N, C-alpha and C. Protein backbone atom coordinates (compact mmCIF):
# COMPACT_ATOMS: atom_id res chain seq x y z
N MET A 1 47.22 54.15 56.55
CA MET A 1 48.47 55.67 56.39
C MET A 1 49.73 54.94 55.55
N SER A 2 49.41 55.75 54.64
CA SER A 2 51.00 55.41 53.53
C SER A 2 52.15 55.54 54.53
N SER A 3 52.79 54.32 53.79
CA SER A 3 54.07 54.40 54.64
C SER A 3 55.30 55.27 53.92
N ARG A 4 55.05 55.99 53.06
CA ARG A 4 55.96 57.19 52.27
C ARG A 4 55.62 58.12 52.92
N ILE A 5 57.05 59.11 52.15
CA ILE A 5 56.63 60.61 52.68
C ILE A 5 56.22 61.58 52.02
N LEU A 6 55.61 62.59 52.28
CA LEU A 6 54.63 62.86 51.50
C LEU A 6 55.30 64.62 51.65
N LYS A 7 55.22 65.39 50.70
CA LYS A 7 55.59 66.80 50.91
C LYS A 7 54.64 67.68 50.48
N CYS A 8 54.04 68.63 51.64
CA CYS A 8 53.07 69.89 51.08
C CYS A 8 53.36 70.37 50.24
N VAL A 9 51.70 70.63 49.51
CA VAL A 9 52.32 71.30 48.48
C VAL A 9 52.50 73.08 48.39
N ASP A 10 51.34 73.76 50.04
CA ASP A 10 51.48 75.13 50.20
C ASP A 10 53.27 75.89 50.93
N CYS A 11 53.19 74.84 51.75
CA CYS A 11 54.10 75.04 52.48
C CYS A 11 55.75 74.25 52.31
N GLY A 12 55.78 73.44 51.57
CA GLY A 12 57.20 72.40 51.12
C GLY A 12 57.22 71.59 52.31
N SER A 13 56.88 71.36 53.71
CA SER A 13 57.68 70.62 54.64
C SER A 13 56.41 68.98 54.12
N TYR A 14 57.57 68.14 54.84
CA TYR A 14 57.26 66.78 54.49
C TYR A 14 56.66 66.34 55.69
N THR A 15 55.57 65.30 55.51
CA THR A 15 54.66 64.97 56.69
C THR A 15 54.61 63.38 55.94
N LEU A 16 54.19 61.90 57.59
CA LEU A 16 53.01 61.20 56.74
C LEU A 16 51.64 60.88 56.55
N LYS A 17 51.39 62.19 57.32
CA LYS A 17 50.07 62.10 56.74
C LYS A 17 49.81 63.07 55.52
N LYS A 18 47.80 62.84 55.04
CA LYS A 18 47.66 63.17 53.42
C LYS A 18 47.32 64.75 54.00
N GLU A 19 47.53 65.31 55.23
CA GLU A 19 47.09 66.64 54.94
C GLU A 19 48.37 67.19 55.99
N CYS A 20 48.68 68.18 55.48
CA CYS A 20 49.82 68.95 55.93
C CYS A 20 49.04 69.95 57.21
N ALA A 21 49.38 70.48 58.38
CA ALA A 21 49.64 70.66 59.77
C ALA A 21 49.08 72.25 59.43
N CYS A 22 49.43 72.66 58.12
CA CYS A 22 49.42 73.83 57.64
C CYS A 22 48.06 74.26 56.93
N GLY A 23 47.29 73.26 57.00
CA GLY A 23 46.21 72.95 56.00
C GLY A 23 45.89 72.60 54.35
N GLY A 24 47.16 72.50 54.10
CA GLY A 24 47.51 71.87 52.80
C GLY A 24 47.69 70.56 52.31
N SER A 25 47.07 70.04 51.07
CA SER A 25 47.35 68.90 51.21
C SER A 25 48.59 68.58 50.73
N ALA A 26 49.17 66.93 50.98
CA ALA A 26 50.83 66.33 50.80
C ALA A 26 50.86 65.67 49.95
N VAL A 27 51.65 65.69 48.73
CA VAL A 27 51.47 64.80 47.39
C VAL A 27 52.95 64.02 47.46
N THR A 28 52.79 62.93 47.14
CA THR A 28 54.65 62.20 46.78
C THR A 28 54.79 63.19 45.84
N PRO A 29 56.78 62.91 46.67
CA PRO A 29 57.81 64.25 45.64
C PRO A 29 58.48 63.08 44.78
N HIS A 30 58.45 61.86 44.70
CA HIS A 30 58.54 61.61 44.28
C HIS A 30 57.59 60.73 42.25
N PRO A 31 59.07 61.71 41.23
CA PRO A 31 58.69 61.02 40.31
C PRO A 31 57.95 60.01 39.62
N PRO A 32 57.27 59.78 38.89
CA PRO A 32 56.49 58.45 38.41
C PRO A 32 57.47 57.76 37.91
N ARG A 33 57.93 56.17 37.92
CA ARG A 33 58.46 55.10 37.96
C ARG A 33 58.47 54.99 36.12
N PHE A 34 59.65 55.10 35.32
CA PHE A 34 60.43 54.88 34.26
C PHE A 34 60.19 53.99 33.31
N SER A 35 59.45 53.91 32.14
CA SER A 35 59.27 52.77 31.25
C SER A 35 59.79 52.88 30.23
N PRO A 36 60.48 52.57 29.41
CA PRO A 36 60.81 52.40 28.02
C PRO A 36 59.39 51.79 27.06
N GLU A 37 58.24 51.27 27.44
CA GLU A 37 57.40 51.10 26.71
C GLU A 37 56.11 52.27 27.93
N ASP A 38 56.56 53.70 27.28
CA ASP A 38 54.95 54.06 28.25
C ASP A 38 54.23 54.62 27.23
N ARG A 39 53.35 53.71 27.90
CA ARG A 39 51.34 53.78 27.07
C ARG A 39 51.42 55.08 26.66
N TYR A 40 51.44 55.75 28.10
CA TYR A 40 50.37 56.81 28.02
C TYR A 40 51.07 58.25 26.97
N GLY A 41 52.49 57.80 27.45
CA GLY A 41 53.19 58.82 26.85
C GLY A 41 52.72 60.06 25.80
N LYS A 42 52.54 59.82 24.98
CA LYS A 42 52.02 60.38 23.39
C LYS A 42 50.54 61.66 24.00
N TYR A 43 50.09 60.72 24.61
CA TYR A 43 49.19 61.75 25.26
C TYR A 43 49.88 62.49 25.93
N ARG A 44 50.76 62.36 27.29
CA ARG A 44 51.11 63.66 28.15
C ARG A 44 52.02 64.96 27.48
N ARG A 45 52.37 64.17 26.01
CA ARG A 45 52.81 65.22 25.28
C ARG A 45 52.47 65.83 24.74
N GLN A 46 50.97 65.37 23.95
CA GLN A 46 49.99 65.65 23.55
C GLN A 46 49.07 66.39 24.23
N LEU A 47 48.69 67.11 25.54
CA LEU A 47 48.70 67.71 26.98
C LEU A 47 49.30 69.09 27.49
N LYS A 48 50.78 68.28 26.98
CA LYS A 48 52.00 69.38 28.01
C LYS A 48 51.74 70.69 26.90
N ALA A 49 51.89 70.19 25.47
CA ALA A 49 51.82 70.88 23.98
C ALA A 49 50.52 71.83 24.01
N LEU A 50 49.51 70.97 24.50
CA LEU A 50 48.39 72.16 24.87
C LEU A 50 48.35 73.45 25.48
N ALA A 51 49.06 72.85 26.82
CA ALA A 51 49.34 73.39 27.99
C ALA A 51 50.52 74.63 27.73
N LYS A 52 51.09 74.42 26.83
CA LYS A 52 52.18 75.44 26.41
C LYS A 52 51.75 76.63 25.05
N GLU A 53 50.92 76.16 24.35
CA GLU A 53 50.27 76.89 23.55
C GLU A 53 49.06 77.94 24.31
N GLY A 54 48.74 77.49 25.52
CA GLY A 54 47.72 78.63 25.85
C GLY A 54 46.64 78.17 26.04
């Protein structure tokens, strides 16, 4: 079991379980850790630009 709090993507409530009581999946609400030497930043920006185009 994870020790971090998780947030349900469906109802927005917080839980410690991987699945919320409403049946939705729970993900971590924390952003990824920032690093100045971001090895995958270029690819993430390309993917974001492709998604924005349509």
